[in-house]
Amino acid sequence: MRFDVITLFPELFGPFLTQGVTRRAFESGLVQVKLWNPRDFAQGMYRRVDDRPFGGGPGMVMMAEPLFRCWQAIRDDRTEAEPAPTLLFSPQGERLAHPVVERFAQGAGAILVCGRYEGLDQRFIDACVDLQISLGDFVLSGGEIAALALLDAVTRLQPGVLNDEGS
């Protein structure tokens, strides 16, 4: 099982992947997590990943182009015959509940997109995102906390991760 995480803050995932009960699953390779920073796919000297919304509005959105390039690099790097689903963590998404976690725990993984700013360029969402997930009726600064919650919940359901399967 492999999860590819698109995030502007990959360093937030380090402690989670190396500590705690679920670390065994990551160390053994039972659950693989690859971190991808869209800045690595941005162009220009400043590797900008944000811009004003095309239709106007407050704040900044993550630009489609670096996200597209990052997403395509992940697709090229994955070897499954069936493409992995792409999830965006968003307040507009389906609420994360145990049946959703179970579905992902039984699959081959997914591409997890952690938004920032006022969101993502809608062109990327329309072209690449299969499912939007929300932790609840509140707003977070970014999708990283939601991604960590999904990774933790899915990993706990993998055989051999917990000493007591009923935990």
N, C-alpha and C. Protein backbone atom coordinates (compact mmCIF):
# COMPACT_ATOMS: atom_id res chain seq x y z
N MET A 1 0.85 -1.16 0.00
CA MET A 1 0.00 0.00 0.00
C MET A 1 0.90 1.23 0.00
N ARG A 2 0.55 2.17 -0.87
CA ARG A 2 1.39 3.36 -1.01
C ARG A 2 0.52 4.61 -1.05
N PHE A 3 0.93 5.59 -0.25
CA PHE A 3 0.29 6.89 -0.26
C PHE A 3 1.32 7.93 -0.69
N ASP A 4 0.97 8.70 -1.69
CA ASP A 4 1.80 9.82 -2.14
C ASP A 4 1.12 11.09 -1.65
N VAL A 5 1.86 11.92 -0.94
CA VAL A 5 1.30 13.11 -0.32
C VAL A 5 1.89 14.35 -0.98
N ILE A 6 1.03 15.17 -1.57
CA ILE A 6 1.44 16.45 -2.14
C ILE A 6 1.23 17.50 -1.06
N THR A 7 2.34 18.10 -0.62
CA THR A 7 2.28 19.07 0.48
C THR A 7 3.39 20.10 0.36
N LEU A 8 3.08 21.32 0.74
CA LEU A 8 4.11 22.36 0.80
C LEU A 8 4.96 22.23 2.06
N PHE A 9 4.54 21.37 2.98
CA PHE A 9 5.24 21.21 4.25
C PHE A 9 5.54 19.74 4.55
N PRO A 10 6.41 19.11 3.76
CA PRO A 10 6.71 17.69 4.00
C PRO A 10 7.34 17.43 5.36
N GLU A 11 7.99 18.43 5.93
CA GLU A 11 8.64 18.23 7.23
C GLU A 11 7.63 17.96 8.35
N LEU A 12 6.38 18.32 8.16
CA LEU A 12 5.36 18.04 9.17
C LEU A 12 5.10 16.54 9.32
N PHE A 13 5.44 15.75 8.32
CA PHE A 13 5.14 14.32 8.34
C PHE A 13 6.24 13.49 9.01
N GLY A 14 7.45 14.04 9.13
CA GLY A 14 8.58 13.30 9.68
C GLY A 14 8.33 12.66 11.02
N PRO A 15 7.91 13.43 12.03
CA PRO A 15 7.67 12.82 13.34
C PRO A 15 6.60 11.72 13.31
N PHE A 16 5.58 11.92 12.52
CA PHE A 16 4.50 10.94 12.43
C PHE A 16 5.00 9.62 11.84
N LEU A 17 5.88 9.70 10.86
CA LEU A 17 6.35 8.49 10.18
C LEU A 17 7.42 7.74 10.96
N THR A 18 8.01 8.39 11.97
CA THR A 18 9.11 7.75 12.70
C THR A 18 8.81 7.50 14.17
N GLN A 19 7.63 7.83 14.62
CA GLN A 19 7.27 7.68 16.03
C GLN A 19 5.95 6.94 16.17
N GLY A 20 5.69 6.46 17.35
CA GLY A 20 4.38 5.92 17.67
C GLY A 20 4.13 4.51 17.18
N VAL A 21 2.92 4.07 17.41
CA VAL A 21 2.51 2.69 17.11
C VAL A 21 2.58 2.38 15.62
N THR A 22 2.19 3.33 14.80
CA THR A 22 2.11 3.07 13.37
C THR A 22 3.47 3.08 12.67
N ARG A 23 4.50 3.53 13.36
CA ARG A 23 5.82 3.61 12.73
C ARG A 23 6.28 2.26 12.18
N ARG A 24 5.90 1.16 12.85
CA ARG A 24 6.29 -0.17 12.37
C ARG A 24 5.82 -0.43 10.95
N ALA A 25 4.63 0.01 10.64
CA ALA A 25 4.09 -0.18 9.29
C ALA A 25 4.89 0.60 8.27
N PHE A 26 5.36 1.78 8.63
CA PHE A 26 6.15 2.59 7.71
C PHE A 26 7.57 2.05 7.58
N GLU A 27 8.17 1.64 8.70
CA GLU A 27 9.53 1.11 8.67
C GLU A 27 9.61 -0.20 7.90
N SER A 28 8.60 -1.04 8.03
CA SER A 28 8.62 -2.34 7.36
C SER A 28 8.24 -2.24 5.89
N GLY A 29 7.67 -1.11 5.48
CA GLY A 29 7.23 -0.98 4.10
C GLY A 29 5.81 -1.48 3.86
N LEU A 30 5.16 -1.96 4.91
CA LEU A 30 3.77 -2.39 4.78
C LEU A 30 2.91 -1.25 4.24
N VAL A 31 3.16 -0.06 4.76
CA VAL A 31 2.52 1.16 4.25
C VAL A 31 3.65 2.10 3.85
N GLN A 32 3.69 2.47 2.59
CA GLN A 32 4.70 3.40 2.09
C GLN A 32 4.08 4.79 1.98
N VAL A 33 4.85 5.79 2.40
CA VAL A 33 4.42 7.18 2.26
C VAL A 33 5.55 7.93 1.55
N LYS A 34 5.22 8.50 0.40
CA LYS A 34 6.18 9.33 -0.34
C LYS A 34 5.67 10.76 -0.32
N LEU A 35 6.55 11.66 0.02
CA LEU A 35 6.19 13.07 0.14
C LEU A 35 6.67 13.84 -1.09
N TRP A 36 5.80 14.67 -1.63
CA TRP A 36 6.08 15.43 -2.84
C TRP A 36 5.77 16.90 -2.58
N ASN A 37 6.75 17.76 -2.82
CA ASN A 37 6.55 19.19 -2.63
C ASN A 37 6.31 19.84 -3.99
N PRO A 38 5.15 20.48 -4.19
CA PRO A 38 4.89 21.10 -5.50
C PRO A 38 5.88 22.20 -5.85
N ARG A 39 6.58 22.76 -4.86
CA ARG A 39 7.61 23.76 -5.17
C ARG A 39 8.70 23.16 -6.06
N ASP A 40 8.94 21.86 -5.91
CA ASP A 40 9.95 21.19 -6.73
C ASP A 40 9.53 21.13 -8.19
N PHE A 41 8.27 21.41 -8.47
CA PHE A 41 7.74 21.35 -9.83
C PHE A 41 7.33 22.73 -10.34
N ALA A 42 7.62 23.76 -9.54
CA ALA A 42 7.31 25.14 -9.94
C ALA A 42 8.47 25.69 -10.76
N GLN A 43 8.16 26.69 -11.55
CA GLN A 43 9.19 27.29 -12.39
C GLN A 43 9.55 28.67 -11.86
N GLY A 44 10.64 29.19 -12.35
CA GLY A 44 11.08 30.52 -11.94
C GLY A 44 12.01 30.47 -10.75
N MET A 45 12.67 31.58 -10.53
CA MET A 45 13.67 31.66 -9.48
C MET A 45 13.07 31.46 -8.09
N TYR A 46 11.84 31.91 -7.88
CA TYR A 46 11.23 31.84 -6.56
C TYR A 46 10.37 30.60 -6.35
N ARG A 47 10.21 29.79 -7.41
CA ARG A 47 9.42 28.55 -7.33
C ARG A 47 8.05 28.81 -6.69
N ARG A 48 7.39 29.81 -7.22
CA ARG A 48 6.07 30.20 -6.71
C ARG A 48 5.03 29.14 -6.98
N VAL A 49 4.19 28.90 -6.00
CA VAL A 49 3.11 27.92 -6.15
C VAL A 49 1.74 28.54 -5.90
N ASP A 50 1.70 29.85 -5.60
CA ASP A 50 0.42 30.49 -5.32
C ASP A 50 0.22 31.70 -6.24
N ASP A 51 -1.06 32.01 -6.46
CA ASP A 51 -1.41 33.15 -7.30
C ASP A 51 -2.81 33.61 -6.91
N ARG A 52 -3.18 34.77 -7.38
CA ARG A 52 -4.53 35.28 -7.12
C ARG A 52 -5.54 34.43 -7.89
N PRO A 53 -6.74 34.25 -7.33
CA PRO A 53 -7.77 33.49 -8.05
C PRO A 53 -8.11 34.17 -9.38
N PHE A 54 -8.22 33.40 -10.43
CA PHE A 54 -8.49 33.93 -11.77
C PHE A 54 -9.79 34.72 -11.80
N GLY A 55 -10.81 34.23 -11.15
CA GLY A 55 -12.12 34.89 -11.16
C GLY A 55 -12.25 35.98 -10.12
N GLY A 56 -11.18 36.29 -9.42
CA GLY A 56 -11.23 37.28 -8.36
C GLY A 56 -11.53 36.63 -7.02
N GLY A 57 -11.56 37.42 -6.01
CA GLY A 57 -11.83 36.90 -4.68
C GLY A 57 -10.65 37.12 -3.76
N PRO A 58 -10.86 36.83 -2.47
CA PRO A 58 -9.81 37.10 -1.48
C PRO A 58 -8.71 36.04 -1.51
N GLY A 59 -7.55 36.43 -1.02
CA GLY A 59 -6.47 35.48 -0.79
C GLY A 59 -5.80 34.96 -2.05
N MET A 60 -5.09 33.88 -1.86
CA MET A 60 -4.33 33.24 -2.93
C MET A 60 -4.76 31.78 -3.02
N VAL A 61 -4.55 31.20 -4.19
CA VAL A 61 -4.81 29.77 -4.38
C VAL A 61 -3.55 29.10 -4.88
N MET A 62 -3.45 27.80 -4.65
CA MET A 62 -2.32 27.04 -5.19
C MET A 62 -2.50 26.93 -6.70
N MET A 63 -1.45 27.24 -7.43
CA MET A 63 -1.50 27.27 -8.90
C MET A 63 -1.65 25.86 -9.47
N ALA A 64 -2.37 25.77 -10.57
CA ALA A 64 -2.62 24.48 -11.21
C ALA A 64 -1.35 23.88 -11.81
N GLU A 65 -0.51 24.67 -12.44
CA GLU A 65 0.62 24.12 -13.20
C GLU A 65 1.59 23.31 -12.35
N PRO A 66 2.10 23.84 -11.22
CA PRO A 66 2.99 23.01 -10.41
C PRO A 66 2.29 21.76 -9.87
N LEU A 67 1.01 21.89 -9.53
CA LEU A 67 0.25 20.74 -9.04
C LEU A 67 0.11 19.68 -10.13
N PHE A 68 -0.20 20.10 -11.36
CA PHE A 68 -0.31 19.17 -12.48
C PHE A 68 1.00 18.42 -12.68
N ARG A 69 2.11 19.17 -12.69
CA ARG A 69 3.42 18.53 -12.92
C ARG A 69 3.76 17.56 -11.79
N CYS A 70 3.49 17.95 -10.57
CA CYS A 70 3.75 17.08 -9.41
C CYS A 70 2.88 15.83 -9.50
N TRP A 71 1.60 16.00 -9.76
CA TRP A 71 0.65 14.89 -9.86
C TRP A 71 1.06 13.93 -10.98
N GLN A 72 1.49 14.47 -12.11
CA GLN A 72 1.91 13.61 -13.22
C GLN A 72 3.19 12.85 -12.87
N ALA A 73 4.10 13.48 -12.15
CA ALA A 73 5.32 12.78 -11.72
C ALA A 73 4.97 11.61 -10.81
N ILE A 74 3.99 11.80 -9.95
CA ILE A 74 3.54 10.71 -9.08
C ILE A 74 2.95 9.60 -9.92
N ARG A 75 2.07 9.94 -10.85
CA ARG A 75 1.46 8.93 -11.72
C ARG A 75 2.53 8.15 -12.47
N ASP A 76 3.55 8.83 -12.95
CA ASP A 76 4.63 8.17 -13.67
C ASP A 76 5.44 7.26 -12.75
N ASP A 77 5.54 7.63 -11.48
CA ASP A 77 6.34 6.88 -10.51
C ASP A 77 5.61 5.65 -9.97
N ARG A 78 4.30 5.67 -9.98
CA ARG A 78 3.51 4.53 -9.48
C ARG A 78 3.41 3.48 -10.57
N THR A 79 3.34 2.22 -10.16
CA THR A 79 3.38 1.13 -11.15
C THR A 79 2.10 0.32 -11.24
N GLU A 80 1.06 0.68 -10.49
CA GLU A 80 -0.17 -0.10 -10.53
C GLU A 80 -0.83 0.01 -11.90
N ALA A 81 -1.52 -1.07 -12.27
CA ALA A 81 -2.28 -1.05 -13.52
C ALA A 81 -3.46 -0.09 -13.40
N GLU A 82 -4.11 -0.11 -12.25
CA GLU A 82 -5.25 0.78 -11.98
C GLU A 82 -4.72 2.05 -11.31
N PRO A 83 -4.95 3.22 -11.89
CA PRO A 83 -4.44 4.45 -11.27
C PRO A 83 -5.00 4.65 -9.86
N ALA A 84 -4.14 5.10 -8.97
CA ALA A 84 -4.57 5.38 -7.59
C ALA A 84 -5.50 6.58 -7.59
N PRO A 85 -6.52 6.56 -6.73
CA PRO A 85 -7.41 7.72 -6.64
C PRO A 85 -6.68 8.92 -6.04
N THR A 86 -7.12 10.10 -6.42
CA THR A 86 -6.56 11.34 -5.90
C THR A 86 -7.57 11.98 -4.96
N LEU A 87 -7.13 12.22 -3.72
CA LEU A 87 -7.99 12.82 -2.69
C LEU A 87 -7.50 14.22 -2.38
N LEU A 88 -8.44 15.12 -2.23
CA LEU A 88 -8.15 16.48 -1.78
C LEU A 88 -8.83 16.67 -0.43
N PHE A 89 -8.09 17.19 0.52
CA PHE A 89 -8.66 17.49 1.83
C PHE A 89 -9.23 18.90 1.77
N SER A 90 -10.54 19.00 1.99
CA SER A 90 -11.26 20.24 1.76
C SER A 90 -12.48 20.31 2.66
N PRO A 91 -12.85 21.51 3.15
CA PRO A 91 -14.06 21.61 3.97
C PRO A 91 -15.33 21.24 3.20
N GLN A 92 -15.27 21.27 1.86
CA GLN A 92 -16.43 20.90 1.04
C GLN A 92 -16.56 19.40 0.85
N GLY A 93 -15.59 18.63 1.32
CA GLY A 93 -15.55 17.20 1.03
C GLY A 93 -16.49 16.35 1.86
N GLU A 94 -16.51 15.08 1.48
CA GLU A 94 -17.25 14.06 2.23
C GLU A 94 -16.59 13.90 3.60
N ARG A 95 -17.38 13.77 4.61
CA ARG A 95 -16.83 13.66 5.97
C ARG A 95 -16.07 12.34 6.14
N LEU A 96 -14.88 12.43 6.70
CA LEU A 96 -14.07 11.24 6.95
C LEU A 96 -14.72 10.42 8.06
N ALA A 97 -15.15 9.22 7.71
CA ALA A 97 -15.79 8.31 8.66
C ALA A 97 -15.18 6.93 8.47
N HIS A 98 -15.45 6.04 9.40
CA HIS A 98 -14.83 4.72 9.39
C HIS A 98 -15.05 3.95 8.08
N PRO A 99 -16.22 3.96 7.46
CA PRO A 99 -16.37 3.25 6.18
C PRO A 99 -15.41 3.75 5.09
N VAL A 100 -15.14 5.05 5.08
CA VAL A 100 -14.18 5.60 4.12
C VAL A 100 -12.78 5.09 4.45
N VAL A 101 -12.43 5.09 5.72
CA VAL A 101 -11.12 4.59 6.16
C VAL A 101 -10.97 3.12 5.77
N GLU A 102 -12.00 2.32 6.02
CA GLU A 102 -11.94 0.89 5.67
C GLU A 102 -11.74 0.68 4.18
N ARG A 103 -12.41 1.50 3.38
CA ARG A 103 -12.26 1.38 1.92
C ARG A 103 -10.80 1.60 1.51
N PHE A 104 -10.17 2.61 2.08
CA PHE A 104 -8.77 2.88 1.74
C PHE A 104 -7.83 1.86 2.36
N ALA A 105 -8.19 1.31 3.51
CA ALA A 105 -7.36 0.30 4.16
C ALA A 105 -7.29 -0.98 3.34
N GLN A 106 -8.29 -1.21 2.52
CA GLN A 106 -8.33 -2.42 1.69
C GLN A 106 -7.79 -2.19 0.29
N GLY A 107 -7.44 -0.96 -0.03
CA GLY A 107 -6.97 -0.63 -1.37
C GLY A 107 -5.46 -0.61 -1.47
N ALA A 108 -4.98 -0.10 -2.60
CA ALA A 108 -3.54 -0.03 -2.87
C ALA A 108 -2.94 1.31 -2.49
N GLY A 109 -3.77 2.21 -1.93
CA GLY A 109 -3.27 3.53 -1.55
C GLY A 109 -3.94 4.62 -2.33
N ALA A 110 -3.34 5.81 -2.30
CA ALA A 110 -3.95 6.97 -2.96
C ALA A 110 -2.93 8.09 -3.05
N ILE A 111 -3.29 9.09 -3.83
CA ILE A 111 -2.55 10.35 -3.89
C ILE A 111 -3.33 11.33 -3.02
N LEU A 112 -2.68 11.88 -2.01
CA LEU A 112 -3.32 12.80 -1.07
C LEU A 112 -2.83 14.22 -1.33
N VAL A 113 -3.75 15.13 -1.59
CA VAL A 113 -3.40 16.51 -1.89
C VAL A 113 -3.76 17.38 -0.70
N CYS A 114 -2.74 18.03 -0.14
CA CYS A 114 -2.93 18.91 1.01
C CYS A 114 -2.93 20.36 0.52
N GLY A 115 -4.09 20.97 0.53
CA GLY A 115 -4.20 22.35 0.08
C GLY A 115 -3.69 23.33 1.12
N ARG A 116 -3.47 24.54 0.68
CA ARG A 116 -3.08 25.66 1.55
C ARG A 116 -3.72 26.92 0.98
N TYR A 117 -3.51 28.02 1.64
CA TYR A 117 -4.04 29.32 1.23
C TYR A 117 -5.57 29.26 1.20
N GLU A 118 -6.18 29.81 0.16
CA GLU A 118 -7.64 29.79 0.04
C GLU A 118 -8.12 28.56 -0.73
N GLY A 119 -7.20 27.67 -1.06
CA GLY A 119 -7.58 26.46 -1.78
C GLY A 119 -6.70 26.23 -2.99
N LEU A 120 -7.22 25.44 -3.93
CA LEU A 120 -6.50 25.08 -5.14
C LEU A 120 -7.19 25.66 -6.36
N ASP A 121 -6.41 25.85 -7.41
CA ASP A 121 -6.98 26.26 -8.69
C ASP A 121 -8.00 25.20 -9.10
N GLN A 122 -9.20 25.63 -9.41
CA GLN A 122 -10.30 24.71 -9.72
C GLN A 122 -9.99 23.82 -10.92
N ARG A 123 -9.15 24.27 -11.84
CA ARG A 123 -8.80 23.44 -13.00
C ARG A 123 -8.12 22.14 -12.56
N PHE A 124 -7.26 22.22 -11.56
CA PHE A 124 -6.62 21.01 -11.05
C PHE A 124 -7.64 20.09 -10.41
N ILE A 125 -8.53 20.65 -9.61
CA ILE A 125 -9.56 19.84 -8.95
C ILE A 125 -10.42 19.13 -9.99
N ASP A 126 -10.87 19.87 -10.99
CA ASP A 126 -11.74 19.29 -12.02
C ASP A 126 -11.04 18.18 -12.80
N ALA A 127 -9.76 18.35 -13.07
CA ALA A 127 -9.03 17.40 -13.92
C ALA A 127 -8.48 16.20 -13.17
N CYS A 128 -8.14 16.36 -11.89
CA CYS A 128 -7.36 15.32 -11.22
C CYS A 128 -7.97 14.72 -9.96
N VAL A 129 -8.82 15.44 -9.28
CA VAL A 129 -9.31 14.99 -7.97
C VAL A 129 -10.52 14.08 -8.13
N ASP A 130 -10.43 12.90 -7.51
CA ASP A 130 -11.51 11.92 -7.54
C ASP A 130 -12.46 12.06 -6.36
N LEU A 131 -11.93 12.51 -5.22
CA LEU A 131 -12.74 12.57 -4.01
C LEU A 131 -12.21 13.68 -3.11
N GLN A 132 -13.12 14.44 -2.52
CA GLN A 132 -12.74 15.44 -1.53
C GLN A 132 -13.18 14.93 -0.16
N ILE A 133 -12.28 15.06 0.82
CA ILE A 133 -12.50 14.57 2.18
C ILE A 133 -12.40 15.74 3.15
N SER A 134 -13.28 15.74 4.15
CA SER A 134 -13.28 16.75 5.20
C SER A 134 -13.22 16.06 6.56
N LEU A 135 -12.52 16.66 7.51
CA LEU A 135 -12.52 16.13 8.87
C LEU A 135 -13.76 16.57 9.64
N GLY A 136 -14.40 17.62 9.20
CA GLY A 136 -15.58 18.09 9.91
C GLY A 136 -15.97 19.49 9.49
N ASP A 137 -16.90 20.05 10.19
CA ASP A 137 -17.47 21.35 9.86
C ASP A 137 -16.64 22.47 10.49
N PHE A 138 -15.39 22.56 10.07
CA PHE A 138 -14.49 23.61 10.53
C PHE A 138 -13.38 23.75 9.51
N VAL A 139 -12.61 24.81 9.60
CA VAL A 139 -11.57 25.09 8.62
C VAL A 139 -10.20 24.94 9.28
N LEU A 140 -9.30 24.24 8.59
CA LEU A 140 -7.91 24.09 9.03
C LEU A 140 -7.02 24.96 8.16
N SER A 141 -5.80 25.18 8.57
CA SER A 141 -4.86 25.99 7.78
C SER A 141 -4.40 25.27 6.53
N GLY A 142 -4.49 23.96 6.53
CA GLY A 142 -4.07 23.18 5.37
C GLY A 142 -4.54 21.75 5.51
N GLY A 143 -4.26 20.96 4.50
CA GLY A 143 -4.73 19.58 4.48
C GLY A 143 -3.83 18.59 5.19
N GLU A 144 -2.71 19.04 5.72
CA GLU A 144 -1.76 18.11 6.33
C GLU A 144 -2.34 17.37 7.54
N ILE A 145 -3.06 18.06 8.41
CA ILE A 145 -3.63 17.40 9.59
C ILE A 145 -4.64 16.34 9.15
N ALA A 146 -5.44 16.66 8.16
CA ALA A 146 -6.41 15.69 7.65
C ALA A 146 -5.71 14.50 7.01
N ALA A 147 -4.63 14.74 6.28
CA ALA A 147 -3.87 13.65 5.66
C ALA A 147 -3.28 12.74 6.74
N LEU A 148 -2.74 13.33 7.79
CA LEU A 148 -2.19 12.55 8.89
C LEU A 148 -3.27 11.71 9.56
N ALA A 149 -4.46 12.27 9.72
CA ALA A 149 -5.57 11.53 10.32
C ALA A 149 -5.93 10.32 9.47
N LEU A 150 -6.04 10.51 8.16
CA LEU A 150 -6.37 9.39 7.27
C LEU A 150 -5.26 8.34 7.28
N LEU A 151 -4.01 8.78 7.18
CA LEU A 151 -2.88 7.83 7.20
C LEU A 151 -2.86 7.02 8.49
N ASP A 152 -3.06 7.68 9.62
CA ASP A 152 -3.05 6.98 10.90
C ASP A 152 -4.19 5.97 10.97
N ALA A 153 -5.39 6.37 10.59
CA ALA A 153 -6.55 5.48 10.68
C ALA A 153 -6.40 4.28 9.75
N VAL A 154 -5.93 4.51 8.53
CA VAL A 154 -5.74 3.41 7.57
C VAL A 154 -4.64 2.48 8.04
N THR A 155 -3.54 3.03 8.53
CA THR A 155 -2.41 2.22 8.97
C THR A 155 -2.79 1.34 10.15
N ARG A 156 -3.57 1.85 11.07
CA ARG A 156 -3.99 1.07 12.24
C ARG A 156 -4.81 -0.16 11.84
N LEU A 157 -5.44 -0.13 10.68
CA LEU A 157 -6.25 -1.26 10.23
C LEU A 157 -5.44 -2.33 9.49
N GLN A 158 -4.16 -2.08 9.27
CA GLN A 158 -3.34 -3.07 8.57
C GLN A 158 -2.95 -4.20 9.52
N PRO A 159 -2.98 -5.44 9.05
CA PRO A 159 -2.64 -6.59 9.90
C PRO A 159 -1.22 -6.46 10.46
N GLY A 160 -1.09 -6.72 11.76
CA GLY A 160 0.22 -6.73 12.40
C GLY A 160 0.71 -5.39 12.89
N VAL A 161 0.00 -4.32 12.61
CA VAL A 161 0.45 -3.00 13.04
C VAL A 161 0.24 -2.82 14.54
N LEU A 162 -0.91 -3.23 15.03
CA LEU A 162 -1.22 -3.12 16.46
C LEU A 162 -1.05 -4.48 17.12
N ASN A 163 -0.62 -4.49 18.35
CA ASN A 163 -0.50 -5.76 19.07
C ASN A 163 -1.87 -6.37 19.33
N ASP A 164 -2.86 -5.54 19.54
CA ASP A 164 -4.23 -6.00 19.78
C ASP A 164 -5.09 -5.51 18.62
N GLU A 165 -5.51 -6.42 17.75
CA GLU A 165 -6.29 -6.05 16.57
C GLU A 165 -7.58 -5.33 16.93
N GLY A 166 -8.06 -5.48 18.15
CA GLY A 166 -9.29 -4.83 18.57
C GLY A 166 -9.11 -3.39 19.02
N SER A 167 -7.87 -2.92 19.05
CA SER A 167 -7.60 -1.55 19.52
C SER A 167 -8.14 -0.51 18.57
